[in-house]
N, C-alpha and C. Protein backbone atom coordinates (compact mmCIF):
# COMPACT_ATOMS: atom_id res chain seq x y z
N THR A 1 126.19 114.06 177.78
CA THR A 1 127.58 114.09 177.83
C THR A 1 128.05 115.11 176.96
N THR A 2 127.69 115.20 175.76
CA THR A 2 128.09 116.17 174.96
C THR A 2 127.77 117.71 175.29
N LEU A 3 126.65 117.73 175.57
CA LEU A 3 126.03 119.02 176.35
C LEU A 3 126.85 119.58 177.58
N GLY A 4 126.96 118.44 178.51
CA GLY A 4 127.70 118.69 179.81
C GLY A 4 129.05 119.16 179.52
N VAL A 5 129.64 118.45 178.38
CA VAL A 5 131.18 119.03 177.98
C VAL A 5 131.25 120.40 177.46
N LEU A 6 130.20 120.80 176.85
CA LEU A 6 130.16 122.25 176.34
C LEU A 6 130.11 123.18 177.63
N ILE A 7 129.01 122.77 178.38
CA ILE A 7 128.77 123.53 179.66
C ILE A 7 129.99 123.68 180.47
N ASN A 8 130.61 122.62 180.71
CA ASN A 8 132.03 122.48 181.43
C ASN A 8 133.11 123.57 180.86
N PHE A 9 133.13 123.58 179.51
CA PHE A 9 134.10 124.46 179.02
C PHE A 9 133.92 125.89 179.04
N TYR A 10 132.69 126.39 178.89
CA TYR A 10 132.26 127.79 178.96
C TYR A 10 132.20 128.03 180.58
N LEU A 11 131.69 127.12 181.39
CA LEU A 11 131.78 127.44 182.81
C LEU A 11 133.30 127.54 183.25
N LEU A 12 134.14 126.70 182.94
CA LEU A 12 135.43 126.76 183.31
C LEU A 12 136.19 128.08 182.72
N LYS A 13 135.83 128.41 181.62
CA LYS A 13 136.60 129.70 181.13
C LYS A 13 135.76 131.03 181.86
N GLY A 14 134.57 131.01 182.11
CA GLY A 14 133.87 132.18 182.73
C GLY A 14 134.32 132.14 184.22
N LEU A 15 134.43 131.13 185.08
CA LEU A 15 134.64 131.05 186.29
C LEU A 15 136.26 131.58 186.43
N THR A 16 136.96 130.95 185.70
CA THR A 16 138.33 131.28 185.83
C THR A 16 138.61 132.76 185.42
N LEU A 17 138.04 133.45 184.77
CA LEU A 17 137.98 134.75 184.71
C LEU A 17 137.57 135.49 185.98
N VAL A 18 136.44 135.07 186.30
CA VAL A 18 135.75 135.93 187.41
C VAL A 18 136.75 135.62 188.62
N PHE A 19 137.20 134.46 189.04
CA PHE A 19 138.06 134.15 190.31
C PHE A 19 139.24 134.91 190.16
N GLU A 20 139.67 135.17 188.80
CA GLU A 20 141.14 135.72 188.70
C GLU A 20 140.91 137.19 188.94
N ALA A 21 139.85 138.01 188.30
CA ALA A 21 139.49 139.21 188.42
C ALA A 21 139.25 139.62 190.09
N ALA A 22 138.34 138.62 190.55
CA ALA A 22 137.97 138.94 192.09
C ALA A 22 139.15 138.78 192.86
N SER A 23 140.14 137.82 192.81
CA SER A 23 141.48 137.61 193.49
C SER A 23 142.60 138.63 193.21
N GLY A 24 142.81 139.09 191.93
CA GLY A 24 143.87 139.79 191.51
C GLY A 24 144.85 138.98 191.15
N ASN A 25 144.70 137.64 191.26
CA ASN A 25 145.81 136.64 191.09
C ASN A 25 145.93 136.17 189.71
N THR A 26 146.39 136.90 188.83
CA THR A 26 146.47 136.40 187.35
C THR A 26 147.14 135.23 187.32
N GLY A 27 146.80 134.34 186.59
CA GLY A 27 147.24 132.80 186.54
C GLY A 27 146.91 131.86 187.75
N MET A 28 146.49 132.19 188.77
CA MET A 28 146.25 131.53 189.82
C MET A 28 145.24 130.43 189.54
N PHE A 29 144.24 130.65 188.78
CA PHE A 29 143.14 129.75 188.45
C PHE A 29 143.26 129.31 187.16
N GLU A 30 144.11 129.53 186.15
CA GLU A 30 144.51 129.21 184.73
C GLU A 30 144.59 127.73 184.81
N SER A 31 143.76 126.93 184.39
CA SER A 31 143.47 125.48 184.39
C SER A 31 144.86 124.56 183.88
N GLY A 32 145.33 123.84 184.79
CA GLY A 32 146.47 123.23 184.35
C GLY A 32 147.92 123.73 184.39
N ASP A 33 147.82 125.03 184.89
CA ASP A 33 149.14 125.79 185.11
C ASP A 33 149.40 125.94 186.67
N TYR A 34 149.98 124.65 187.18
CA TYR A 34 150.05 124.86 188.72
C TYR A 34 151.52 124.31 189.13
N LYS A 35 152.49 124.55 188.20
CA LYS A 35 153.95 124.20 188.41
C LYS A 35 154.67 125.24 188.28
N ASP A 36 155.86 125.37 189.09
CA ASP A 36 156.94 126.34 188.98
C ASP A 36 157.84 126.04 187.72
N ASP A 37 158.79 127.03 187.86
CA ASP A 37 159.88 126.61 186.67
C ASP A 37 160.52 125.52 186.57
N ARG A 38 160.69 125.04 187.94
CA ARG A 38 161.36 123.72 188.19
C ARG A 38 160.47 122.47 188.11
N GLY A 39 159.24 122.76 187.92
CA GLY A 39 158.32 121.34 187.74
C GLY A 39 157.62 121.09 188.92
N LYS A 40 157.92 121.72 190.02
CA LYS A 40 157.39 121.55 191.36
C LYS A 40 155.95 121.95 191.35
N VAL A 41 155.08 121.28 191.90
CA VAL A 41 153.57 121.75 191.92
C VAL A 41 153.49 122.76 193.06
N ILE A 42 152.90 123.68 192.67
CA ILE A 42 152.33 124.94 193.75
C ILE A 42 150.99 124.58 194.09
N ARG A 43 150.94 124.11 195.38
CA ARG A 43 149.88 123.65 196.05
C ARG A 43 148.91 124.34 196.01
N SER A 44 149.04 125.82 196.15
CA SER A 44 147.90 126.76 196.20
C SER A 44 147.10 126.74 194.94
N ARG A 45 147.98 126.93 193.94
CA ARG A 45 147.23 127.13 192.48
C ARG A 45 146.53 125.58 192.39
N TYR A 46 147.22 124.58 192.38
CA TYR A 46 146.59 123.27 192.20
C TYR A 46 145.17 123.35 193.04
N PHE A 47 145.12 123.55 194.37
CA PHE A 47 143.85 123.39 194.96
C PHE A 47 142.82 124.43 194.64
N ALA A 48 143.36 125.49 194.26
CA ALA A 48 142.58 126.53 193.66
C ALA A 48 141.85 126.29 192.22
N GLN A 49 142.43 125.65 191.49
CA GLN A 49 142.10 125.09 190.25
C GLN A 49 141.14 123.91 190.51
N PHE A 50 141.39 122.93 191.37
CA PHE A 50 140.69 121.79 191.69
C PHE A 50 139.28 122.37 192.12
N ALA A 51 139.27 123.38 192.88
CA ALA A 51 138.04 123.87 193.62
C ALA A 51 137.21 124.56 192.60
N VAL A 52 137.86 125.11 191.42
CA VAL A 52 137.13 125.58 190.48
C VAL A 52 136.56 124.57 189.64
N TRP A 53 137.08 123.43 189.32
CA TRP A 53 136.69 122.49 188.48
C TRP A 53 135.64 121.63 189.25
N ILE A 54 135.75 121.57 190.55
CA ILE A 54 134.60 120.86 191.20
C ILE A 54 133.50 121.78 191.22
N LEU A 55 133.44 123.07 191.36
CA LEU A 55 132.21 124.06 191.21
C LEU A 55 132.09 123.86 189.72
N VAL A 56 132.77 123.81 188.80
CA VAL A 56 132.00 123.74 187.40
C VAL A 56 131.18 122.57 187.28
N VAL A 57 131.80 121.29 187.55
CA VAL A 57 131.17 120.05 187.52
C VAL A 57 129.81 120.03 188.21
N SER A 58 129.76 120.53 189.53
CA SER A 58 128.63 120.70 190.31
C SER A 58 127.57 121.39 189.49
N ILE A 59 127.88 122.71 189.02
CA ILE A 59 127.01 123.88 188.44
C ILE A 59 126.53 122.76 187.13
N MET A 60 127.34 122.26 186.46
CA MET A 60 127.01 121.37 185.23
C MET A 60 126.00 120.26 185.45
N LYS A 61 126.25 119.68 186.56
CA LYS A 61 125.37 118.46 187.02
C LYS A 61 123.76 118.97 187.35
N CYS A 62 123.92 120.21 188.06
CA CYS A 62 122.81 120.76 188.29
C CYS A 62 121.81 121.39 187.08
N CYS A 63 122.73 121.84 186.02
CA CYS A 63 121.99 122.15 184.96
C CYS A 63 121.35 120.85 184.09
N MET A 64 122.01 119.86 184.09
CA MET A 64 121.80 118.62 183.50
C MET A 64 120.45 118.26 184.10
N VAL A 65 120.44 118.15 185.42
CA VAL A 65 119.16 117.72 186.13
C VAL A 65 117.93 118.65 185.91
N LEU A 66 118.24 119.96 185.75
CA LEU A 66 117.00 120.90 185.48
C LEU A 66 116.74 120.62 183.95
N LEU A 67 117.61 120.51 183.11
CA LEU A 67 117.28 120.19 181.69
C LEU A 67 116.34 118.77 181.68
N MET A 68 116.74 117.75 182.25
CA MET A 68 116.06 116.48 182.13
C MET A 68 114.80 116.50 182.60
N THR A 69 114.71 117.51 183.75
CA THR A 69 113.43 117.61 184.43
C THR A 69 112.25 118.31 183.30
N VAL A 70 112.89 119.38 182.88
CA VAL A 70 112.15 120.16 181.99
C VAL A 70 111.71 119.47 180.77
N PHE A 71 112.61 118.81 180.09
CA PHE A 71 112.59 118.14 178.89
C PHE A 71 112.44 116.64 178.99
N HIS A 72 111.74 116.05 179.84
CA HIS A 72 111.84 114.74 180.20
C HIS A 72 110.97 113.99 179.15
N SER A 73 109.66 114.59 178.64
CA SER A 73 109.08 113.72 177.51
C SER A 73 109.76 113.76 176.24
N GLU A 74 110.33 114.82 175.94
CA GLU A 74 111.20 114.92 174.63
C GLU A 74 112.33 114.02 174.63
N LEU A 75 113.15 113.93 175.64
CA LEU A 75 114.26 113.04 175.91
C LEU A 75 113.82 111.41 175.95
N GLN A 76 112.44 111.29 176.39
CA GLN A 76 111.90 109.86 176.52
C GLN A 76 111.74 109.45 174.97
N LYS A 77 111.12 110.51 174.35
CA LYS A 77 110.83 109.96 173.01
C LYS A 77 112.04 110.01 172.22
N ILE A 78 113.17 110.60 172.37
CA ILE A 78 114.26 110.64 171.48
C ILE A 78 114.97 109.08 171.97
N SER A 79 115.19 108.74 173.30
CA SER A 79 115.67 107.52 173.65
C SER A 79 114.92 106.36 173.16
N SER A 80 113.72 106.19 173.25
CA SER A 80 112.88 105.33 172.73
C SER A 80 113.06 105.09 171.14
N SER A 81 113.26 106.05 170.46
CA SER A 81 113.26 105.98 169.00
C SER A 81 114.78 105.53 168.77
N VAL A 82 115.93 105.81 169.54
CA VAL A 82 117.19 105.15 169.47
C VAL A 82 117.09 104.03 169.60
N LEU A 83 116.56 103.55 170.50
CA LEU A 83 116.64 102.20 171.19
C LEU A 83 115.72 101.13 170.49
N ASP A 84 114.83 101.74 169.46
CA ASP A 84 113.86 100.96 168.74
C ASP A 84 114.59 99.77 168.02
N ALA A 85 116.06 99.95 167.58
CA ALA A 85 116.50 99.17 166.89
C ALA A 85 116.99 97.87 167.49
N VAL A 86 117.18 97.80 168.85
CA VAL A 86 117.56 96.67 169.85
C VAL A 86 116.41 96.31 170.70
N ASP A 87 115.15 96.97 170.76
CA ASP A 87 114.09 96.61 171.77
C ASP A 87 113.74 95.24 171.66
N SER A 88 113.89 94.29 170.46
CA SER A 88 113.47 93.12 170.29
C SER A 88 114.38 92.04 171.33
N ASP A 89 115.47 92.40 171.65
CA ASP A 89 116.41 91.81 172.31
C ASP A 89 116.80 92.43 173.82
N ALA A 90 116.26 92.01 174.82
CA ALA A 90 116.46 92.50 176.19
C ALA A 90 117.85 92.67 176.58
N ASN A 91 118.82 91.47 176.32
CA ASN A 91 119.95 91.32 176.82
C ASN A 91 120.94 92.30 175.76
N LEU A 92 120.70 92.49 174.63
CA LEU A 92 121.21 93.38 173.64
C LEU A 92 120.95 94.76 174.17
N GLU A 93 119.69 95.14 174.44
CA GLU A 93 119.35 96.72 174.83
C GLU A 93 120.03 96.92 176.24
N LEU A 94 120.11 95.91 177.18
CA LEU A 94 120.85 96.05 178.29
C LEU A 94 122.36 96.34 178.06
N ILE A 95 122.86 95.56 177.25
CA ILE A 95 124.38 95.97 176.88
C ILE A 95 124.68 97.42 176.35
N VAL A 96 123.54 97.77 175.46
CA VAL A 96 123.76 99.02 174.71
C VAL A 96 123.51 99.96 175.63
N VAL A 97 122.38 99.98 176.75
CA VAL A 97 122.18 100.97 177.58
C VAL A 97 123.30 101.22 178.88
N MET A 98 123.88 99.93 179.35
CA MET A 98 124.40 99.81 180.39
C MET A 98 125.99 99.73 180.09
N VAL A 99 126.49 99.34 178.84
CA VAL A 99 127.90 99.14 178.67
C VAL A 99 128.34 99.99 177.62
N LEU A 100 127.81 99.76 176.55
CA LEU A 100 128.33 100.40 175.12
C LEU A 100 128.18 101.84 175.27
N THR A 101 127.12 102.41 175.48
CA THR A 101 126.78 103.88 175.41
C THR A 101 127.65 104.47 176.57
N PRO A 102 127.67 104.09 177.97
CA PRO A 102 128.40 104.73 178.95
C PRO A 102 129.79 104.86 178.54
N CYS A 103 130.27 103.56 178.15
CA CYS A 103 131.91 103.43 177.92
C CYS A 103 132.16 104.55 176.73
N CYS A 104 131.30 104.68 175.76
CA CYS A 104 131.75 105.57 174.52
C CYS A 104 131.63 106.89 174.96
N MET A 105 130.64 107.31 175.64
CA MET A 105 130.32 108.69 176.10
C MET A 105 131.33 109.09 177.14
N ASN A 106 131.63 108.39 178.10
CA ASN A 106 132.67 108.69 178.98
C ASN A 106 134.21 108.85 178.40
N ALA A 107 134.47 107.88 177.43
CA ALA A 107 135.73 108.10 176.75
C ALA A 107 135.67 109.44 176.00
N PHE A 108 134.54 109.92 175.39
CA PHE A 108 134.53 110.95 174.61
C PHE A 108 134.65 112.29 175.72
N GLN A 109 134.02 112.15 176.75
CA GLN A 109 134.12 113.30 177.82
C GLN A 109 135.50 113.39 178.39
N LEU A 110 136.19 112.22 178.76
CA LEU A 110 137.29 112.36 179.11
C LEU A 110 138.31 112.73 178.15
N TRP A 111 138.38 112.57 177.00
CA TRP A 111 139.27 113.08 175.91
C TRP A 111 139.18 114.50 175.76
N VAL A 112 137.80 114.91 175.40
CA VAL A 112 137.55 116.37 175.34
C VAL A 112 137.77 117.15 176.41
N GLN A 113 137.47 116.83 177.45
CA GLN A 113 137.74 117.62 178.81
C GLN A 113 139.28 117.94 178.99
N ASP A 114 139.91 116.65 178.63
CA ASP A 114 141.34 116.72 179.13
C ASP A 114 141.88 117.87 178.43
N THR A 115 141.64 117.97 177.06
CA THR A 115 142.27 118.83 175.99
C THR A 115 142.11 120.24 176.56
N PHE A 116 140.95 120.61 177.23
CA PHE A 116 140.77 122.17 177.73
C PHE A 116 141.07 122.36 179.12
N ILE A 117 141.41 121.22 179.81
CA ILE A 117 141.88 121.37 181.30
C ILE A 117 143.33 121.51 181.42
N LYS A 118 144.11 120.74 180.48
CA LYS A 118 145.55 120.83 180.66
C LYS A 118 146.02 122.04 180.18
N SER A 119 147.30 122.48 180.79
CA SER A 119 148.05 123.70 180.52
C SER A 119 148.31 123.73 178.95
N LYS A 120 147.94 124.99 178.52
CA LYS A 120 148.52 125.40 176.90
C LYS A 120 150.10 125.37 176.90
N LYS A 121 150.66 125.79 177.88
CA LYS A 121 152.21 125.77 178.08
C LYS A 121 152.87 124.63 178.04
N LYS A 122 154.26 124.69 177.50
CA LYS A 122 154.89 123.50 177.62
C LYS A 122 155.47 123.57 178.99
N GLN A 123 155.37 122.26 179.52
CA GLN A 123 156.02 122.19 180.98
C GLN A 123 157.20 121.51 180.97
């Protein structure tokens, strides 16, 4: 999750610059800036930014699959050592793996990504 958030951050910044340079539409792809002065959503901006975000997340997911494939042995060792503390209780291990870790990591990911997706301007 944390590495994925970092990849998302840099991909979003990079792809925003690339698409704005290629299209000549400054501000069109600036994440979170899709309303006019009256607060009405500009659909073309919204969907352009949405498409960039979907591309960012898709590329990040591919990177994560690649990294997990390449480093599967190392990741297995790390996960085993982390779960050593709860491996004596299968139910506790299941709760940690299936509930606690995903909830904490997803909350972290949502919080951090929300800070760099939303507009820096006051709306």
